[in-house]
Amino acid sequence: MGTGVEKVMLTTSRNGAAPLADLLVNRFNRLEVLTEHERGVLRLIEARPKQAWRADTRLLTERSEIRAPQFVMTGWAARVRELGDSRRQILGILLPGDVIGLAMRARPLALTHVVALTPMRTVEAPEIAVAWRDRERVPGLAAAFDLAATEDEFFMMAQVMRLGRQTAYERIAHWFMELEYRLSSRGLSTNGSFPLPVTQETLADAVGLSVVHVNRTLQQMRREGRIELTRGRLSLLDPDALRAAGEFHPPALSAPGQLAAEARVVHH
């Protein structure tokens, strides 16, 4: 093709699949300690029949009404905005355990397209929206969903910073560290090694670069001994260097004990 670009597919035979047992419990119990009743609610949802999606299928179309929230059980998806000439920007990646379409608004509309990047399975959970609003019934779950939404907002702000101010190397380093953080918190990354079931074109759409620029940056990271990328699996060989290059910091979602301390000051 004359570009010199190595057309490497970053796919994995497992399509980024997660172990299903207690995926949702582990995901949300990490954010907020859940009662046994709240864990049981998630296990019931997790046991329901799953809906299968092919890669490149739209799970949601921008401005369409969201019928019910659904959880990603296996596979990867992306929140996407598109231009009229088919150029697109990936705004965020959806991983196993993430929720699609959870909103406090009445009759919410989708703010972006949601597109399957790999074959996927999801499960609908209409009662979760009700539980989030009726917080007294499942306060732990409601708090966990609040924190998950805050985490989403944090990573959206990180995406704005990546696209607006970081170099190509910094963007990709930061994106890799973000993925590692999110996947490891769900038991889907082992010692900095995890499936990366996307093409270089998809990676380019995620970090706002050309495929040529992405390819050159990946080759540079390989030469420096910072990553290994083979058969759709990414290993971060020097995560400290990548973290420093991308200036990645994990989200600080809450300050435990701060409100209680302030209450004691006011009381006295």
Protein backbone atom coordinates (compact mmCIF):
# COMPACT_ATOMS: atom_id res chain seq x y z
CA MET A 1 0.00 0.00 0.00
CA GLY A 2 3.04 2.25 0.12
CA THR A 3 2.56 3.42 3.70
CA GLY A 4 5.01 1.09 5.39
CA VAL A 5 2.43 0.43 8.08
CA GLU A 6 2.50 -2.99 9.69
CA LYS A 7 -1.14 -4.12 9.66
CA VAL A 8 -1.10 -5.88 13.00
CA MET A 9 -4.40 -7.10 14.39
CA LEU A 10 -4.39 -6.67 18.14
CA THR A 11 -7.01 -9.38 18.53
CA THR A 12 -7.28 -12.22 20.99
CA SER A 13 -9.01 -15.54 20.58
CA ARG A 14 -10.97 -14.88 23.72
CA ASN A 15 -12.10 -11.45 22.50
CA GLY A 16 -11.24 -9.91 25.83
CA ALA A 17 -13.73 -12.20 27.56
CA ALA A 18 -14.05 -12.06 31.30
CA PRO A 19 -14.75 -14.95 33.64
CA LEU A 20 -18.48 -14.67 34.28
CA ALA A 21 -18.64 -15.92 37.86
CA ASP A 22 -19.41 -12.94 40.10
CA LEU A 23 -18.08 -10.43 37.57
CA LEU A 24 -20.60 -7.76 38.61
CA VAL A 25 -20.24 -8.48 42.32
CA ASN A 26 -16.46 -8.13 42.14
CA ARG A 27 -16.71 -5.01 39.98
CA PHE A 28 -19.06 -3.05 42.24
CA ASN A 29 -18.00 -4.46 45.58
CA ARG A 30 -14.57 -2.98 44.84
CA LEU A 31 -16.17 0.46 44.69
CA GLU A 32 -18.46 0.08 47.71
CA VAL A 33 -18.88 -2.73 50.21
CA LEU A 34 -22.19 -4.44 49.33
CA THR A 35 -24.59 -6.29 51.57
CA GLU A 36 -25.40 -9.92 50.84
CA HIS A 37 -28.80 -8.80 49.54
CA GLU A 38 -27.15 -6.35 47.13
CA ARG A 39 -24.72 -9.02 45.95
CA GLY A 40 -27.68 -11.32 45.39
CA VAL A 41 -29.33 -8.72 43.15
CA LEU A 42 -26.23 -8.61 40.96
CA ARG A 43 -25.93 -12.40 40.86
CA LEU A 44 -29.55 -12.72 39.71
CA ILE A 45 -28.88 -10.27 36.91
CA GLU A 46 -25.67 -12.05 35.99
CA ALA A 47 -27.50 -15.39 35.72
CA ARG A 48 -30.01 -14.14 33.15
CA PRO A 49 -29.85 -15.10 29.46
CA LYS A 50 -27.34 -12.95 27.62
CA GLN A 51 -27.78 -11.06 24.38
CA ALA A 52 -25.06 -11.73 21.82
CA TRP A 53 -23.64 -9.03 19.56
CA ARG A 54 -21.33 -9.30 16.59
CA ALA A 55 -18.30 -7.06 16.23
CA ASP A 56 -19.13 -3.68 14.63
CA THR A 57 -22.78 -3.90 15.71
CA ARG A 58 -24.36 -0.79 17.22
CA LEU A 59 -25.75 -1.52 20.66
CA LEU A 60 -27.05 2.05 20.90
CA THR A 61 -27.51 4.78 18.32
CA GLU A 62 -26.94 8.40 19.27
CA ARG A 63 -30.21 10.18 20.17
CA SER A 64 -32.13 6.90 20.42
CA GLU A 65 -34.15 6.21 23.56
CA ILE A 66 -32.45 3.92 26.05
CA ARG A 67 -34.84 1.09 26.84
CA ALA A 68 -32.98 -0.31 29.84
CA PRO A 69 -29.48 -0.32 31.30
CA GLN A 70 -27.35 -3.30 30.36
CA PHE A 71 -24.11 -4.72 31.65
CA VAL A 72 -21.21 -5.80 29.48
CA MET A 73 -20.46 -9.42 30.37
CA THR A 74 -17.89 -10.33 27.70
CA GLY A 75 -16.12 -8.39 24.96
CA TRP A 76 -15.27 -4.75 24.40
CA ALA A 77 -17.35 -1.85 23.10
CA ALA A 78 -16.77 1.85 22.51
CA ARG A 79 -18.66 5.09 22.90
CA VAL A 80 -18.31 6.76 19.52
CA ARG A 81 -19.10 10.05 17.79
CA GLU A 82 -19.02 10.10 13.98
CA LEU A 83 -18.63 12.77 11.30
CA GLY A 84 -20.47 12.80 8.01
CA ASP A 85 -17.50 11.39 6.08
CA SER A 86 -17.28 8.36 8.44
CA ARG A 87 -14.38 9.69 10.49
CA ARG A 88 -14.97 8.80 14.10
CA GLN A 89 -13.66 9.56 17.56
CA ILE A 90 -13.78 6.92 20.26
CA LEU A 91 -14.68 8.72 23.47
CA GLY A 92 -14.35 5.78 25.81
CA ILE A 93 -13.92 2.01 25.96
CA LEU A 94 -16.51 -0.22 27.65
CA LEU A 95 -15.08 -3.32 29.34
CA PRO A 96 -16.62 -6.38 31.01
CA GLY A 97 -18.48 -5.21 34.11
CA ASP A 98 -19.28 -1.76 32.72
CA VAL A 99 -22.87 -0.57 32.46
CA ILE A 100 -24.40 0.90 29.31
CA GLY A 101 -27.28 3.33 29.49
CA LEU A 102 -27.59 3.96 33.22
CA ALA A 103 -29.03 7.48 33.64
CA MET A 104 -30.98 9.44 36.20
CA ARG A 105 -32.95 11.20 33.47
CA ALA A 106 -36.51 10.19 32.67
CA ARG A 107 -36.71 8.53 29.22
CA PRO A 108 -32.99 9.09 28.58
CA LEU A 109 -31.54 9.38 25.09
CA ALA A 110 -28.17 7.98 24.09
CA LEU A 111 -25.53 10.72 23.94
CA THR A 112 -23.24 8.69 21.65
CA HIS A 113 -23.26 5.57 19.53
CA VAL A 114 -22.17 2.44 21.40
CA VAL A 115 -20.41 0.06 19.01
CA ALA A 116 -19.16 -3.47 19.67
CA LEU A 117 -15.42 -3.68 19.03
CA THR A 118 -15.44 -7.46 19.46
CA PRO A 119 -18.11 -10.13 19.71
CA MET A 120 -19.94 -9.36 22.95
CA ARG A 121 -22.53 -10.56 25.40
CA THR A 122 -24.63 -8.21 27.50
CA VAL A 123 -27.47 -8.59 29.98
CA GLU A 124 -30.30 -6.13 30.52
CA ALA A 125 -30.99 -4.89 34.05
CA PRO A 126 -34.02 -2.55 34.05
CA GLU A 127 -34.41 -2.72 37.81
CA ILE A 128 -30.95 -1.19 38.30
CA ALA A 129 -32.18 2.22 37.13
CA VAL A 130 -35.05 1.98 39.63
CA ALA A 131 -32.72 0.89 42.42
CA TRP A 132 -30.36 3.77 41.67
CA ARG A 133 -33.22 6.23 42.09
CA ASP A 134 -34.78 4.46 45.10
CA ARG A 135 -31.54 4.56 47.04
CA GLU A 136 -32.87 3.46 50.42
CA ARG A 137 -33.57 -0.07 49.18
CA VAL A 138 -30.00 -0.78 48.08
CA PRO A 139 -27.80 2.04 49.41
CA GLY A 140 -24.55 0.19 48.79
CA LEU A 141 -25.39 -0.51 45.16
CA ALA A 142 -26.54 3.07 44.62
CA ALA A 143 -23.26 4.35 46.08
CA ALA A 144 -21.27 1.92 43.88
CA PHE A 145 -23.08 3.15 40.77
CA ASP A 146 -22.37 6.74 41.80
CA LEU A 147 -18.67 5.92 42.06
CA ALA A 148 -18.71 4.08 38.74
CA ALA A 149 -20.26 7.16 37.12
CA THR A 150 -17.60 9.35 38.75
CA GLU A 151 -14.92 7.01 37.45
CA ASP A 152 -16.39 7.30 33.94
CA GLU A 153 -16.30 11.09 34.23
CA PHE A 154 -12.68 10.95 35.41
CA PHE A 155 -11.63 8.93 32.39
CA MET A 156 -13.59 11.19 30.06
CA MET A 157 -11.62 14.16 31.41
CA ALA A 158 -8.44 12.14 30.88
CA GLN A 159 -9.48 11.60 27.26
CA VAL A 160 -9.94 15.35 26.78
CA MET A 161 -6.46 15.97 28.17
CA ARG A 162 -4.95 13.23 26.00
CA LEU A 163 -6.46 14.54 22.79
CA GLY A 164 -5.87 18.20 23.57
CA ARG A 165 -2.36 18.38 24.97
CA GLN A 166 -0.38 15.14 24.93
CA THR A 167 2.06 13.94 22.29
CA ALA A 168 1.47 10.68 20.41
CA TYR A 169 3.79 8.78 22.74
CA GLU A 170 2.21 10.29 25.84
CA ARG A 171 -1.33 9.54 24.60
CA ILE A 172 -0.68 5.88 23.93
CA ALA A 173 1.29 5.41 27.15
CA HIS A 174 -1.53 6.99 29.15
CA TRP A 175 -4.20 4.95 27.33
CA PHE A 176 -2.33 1.70 27.97
CA MET A 177 -1.96 2.53 31.68
CA GLU A 178 -5.65 3.42 31.93
CA LEU A 179 -6.63 0.08 30.40
CA GLU A 180 -4.27 -1.79 32.73
CA TYR A 181 -5.73 -0.02 35.76
CA ARG A 182 -9.32 -0.78 34.77
CA LEU A 183 -8.70 -4.37 33.73
CA SER A 184 -6.57 -5.26 36.75
CA SER A 185 -9.31 -4.00 39.08
CA ARG A 186 -11.59 -6.64 37.52
CA GLY A 187 -9.07 -9.46 37.58
CA LEU A 188 -8.52 -9.25 33.80
CA SER A 189 -4.87 -8.17 33.83
CA THR A 190 -2.03 -10.23 35.24
CA ASN A 191 1.26 -8.54 36.08
CA GLY A 192 0.64 -5.85 33.48
CA SER A 193 -0.36 -8.29 30.74
CA PHE A 194 -3.85 -8.30 29.22
CA PRO A 195 -5.75 -8.94 25.97
CA LEU A 196 -5.93 -6.00 23.59
CA PRO A 197 -8.68 -7.04 21.14
CA VAL A 198 -8.54 -4.03 18.82
CA THR A 199 -6.91 -3.13 15.52
CA GLN A 200 -4.41 -0.33 15.09
CA GLU A 201 -7.17 1.58 13.28
CA THR A 202 -9.32 1.37 16.41
CA LEU A 203 -6.42 2.44 18.60
CA ALA A 204 -5.91 5.41 16.27
CA ASP A 205 -9.59 6.37 16.65
CA ALA A 206 -9.23 6.16 20.43
CA VAL A 207 -6.18 8.41 20.70
CA GLY A 208 -6.86 10.76 17.78
CA LEU A 209 -3.87 9.81 15.62
CA SER A 210 -3.25 8.39 12.16
CA VAL A 211 -2.61 4.65 11.84
CA VAL A 212 0.91 5.44 10.59
CA HIS A 213 1.63 7.49 13.73
CA VAL A 214 0.23 4.78 15.99
CA ASN A 215 2.35 2.13 14.28
CA ARG A 216 5.54 4.18 14.61
CA THR A 217 4.87 4.86 18.27
CA LEU A 218 4.23 1.19 19.04
CA GLN A 219 7.46 0.27 17.28
CA GLN A 220 9.34 2.85 19.35
CA MET A 221 7.87 1.46 22.58
CA ARG A 222 8.94 -2.03 21.49
CA ARG A 223 12.49 -0.91 20.70
CA GLU A 224 12.75 0.74 24.12
CA GLY A 225 11.68 -2.50 25.78
CA ARG A 226 8.58 -0.94 27.31
CA ILE A 227 5.91 -3.13 25.72
CA GLU A 228 5.49 -6.52 24.09
CA LEU A 229 2.56 -6.95 21.72
CA THR A 230 2.03 -10.42 20.31
CA ARG A 231 -1.06 -12.34 19.24
CA GLY A 232 -3.44 -9.75 20.58
CA ARG A 233 -1.92 -9.59 24.04
CA LEU A 234 -0.18 -6.52 25.43
CA SER A 235 2.45 -6.83 28.13
CA LEU A 236 3.66 -3.66 29.83
CA LEU A 237 7.32 -4.48 30.43
CA ASP A 238 8.19 -1.11 31.99
CA PRO A 239 4.96 0.25 33.47
CA ASP A 240 6.78 2.81 35.60
CA ALA A 241 8.30 4.41 32.51
CA LEU A 242 4.95 4.37 30.68
CA ARG A 243 3.15 5.79 33.71
CA ALA A 244 5.69 8.60 33.96
CA ALA A 245 5.61 9.30 30.21
CA GLY A 246 1.81 9.52 30.13
CA GLU A 247 1.54 11.15 33.58
CA PHE A 248 -1.11 8.60 34.46
CA HIS A 249 -2.75 8.82 37.88
CA PRO A 250 -5.54 6.50 39.05
CA PRO A 251 -8.83 8.18 39.91
CA ALA A 252 -9.43 9.44 43.43
CA LEU A 253 -13.16 8.85 43.75
CA SER A 254 -13.85 9.83 47.33
CA ALA A 255 -12.17 10.92 50.54
CA PRO A 256 -13.12 8.34 53.22
CA GLY A 257 -13.68 9.85 56.63
CA GLN A 258 -13.54 13.46 55.47
CA LEU A 259 -17.25 14.13 55.87
CA ALA A 260 -17.29 12.52 59.29
CA ALA A 261 -14.32 14.64 60.38
CA GLU A 262 -16.02 17.81 59.16
CA ALA A 263 -19.21 16.83 60.99
CA ARG A 264 -17.29 16.43 64.24
CA VAL A 265 -15.76 19.89 63.82
CA VAL A 266 -19.18 21.46 63.25
CA HIS A 267 -20.68 19.57 66.19
CA HIS A 268 -18.04 20.83 68.56
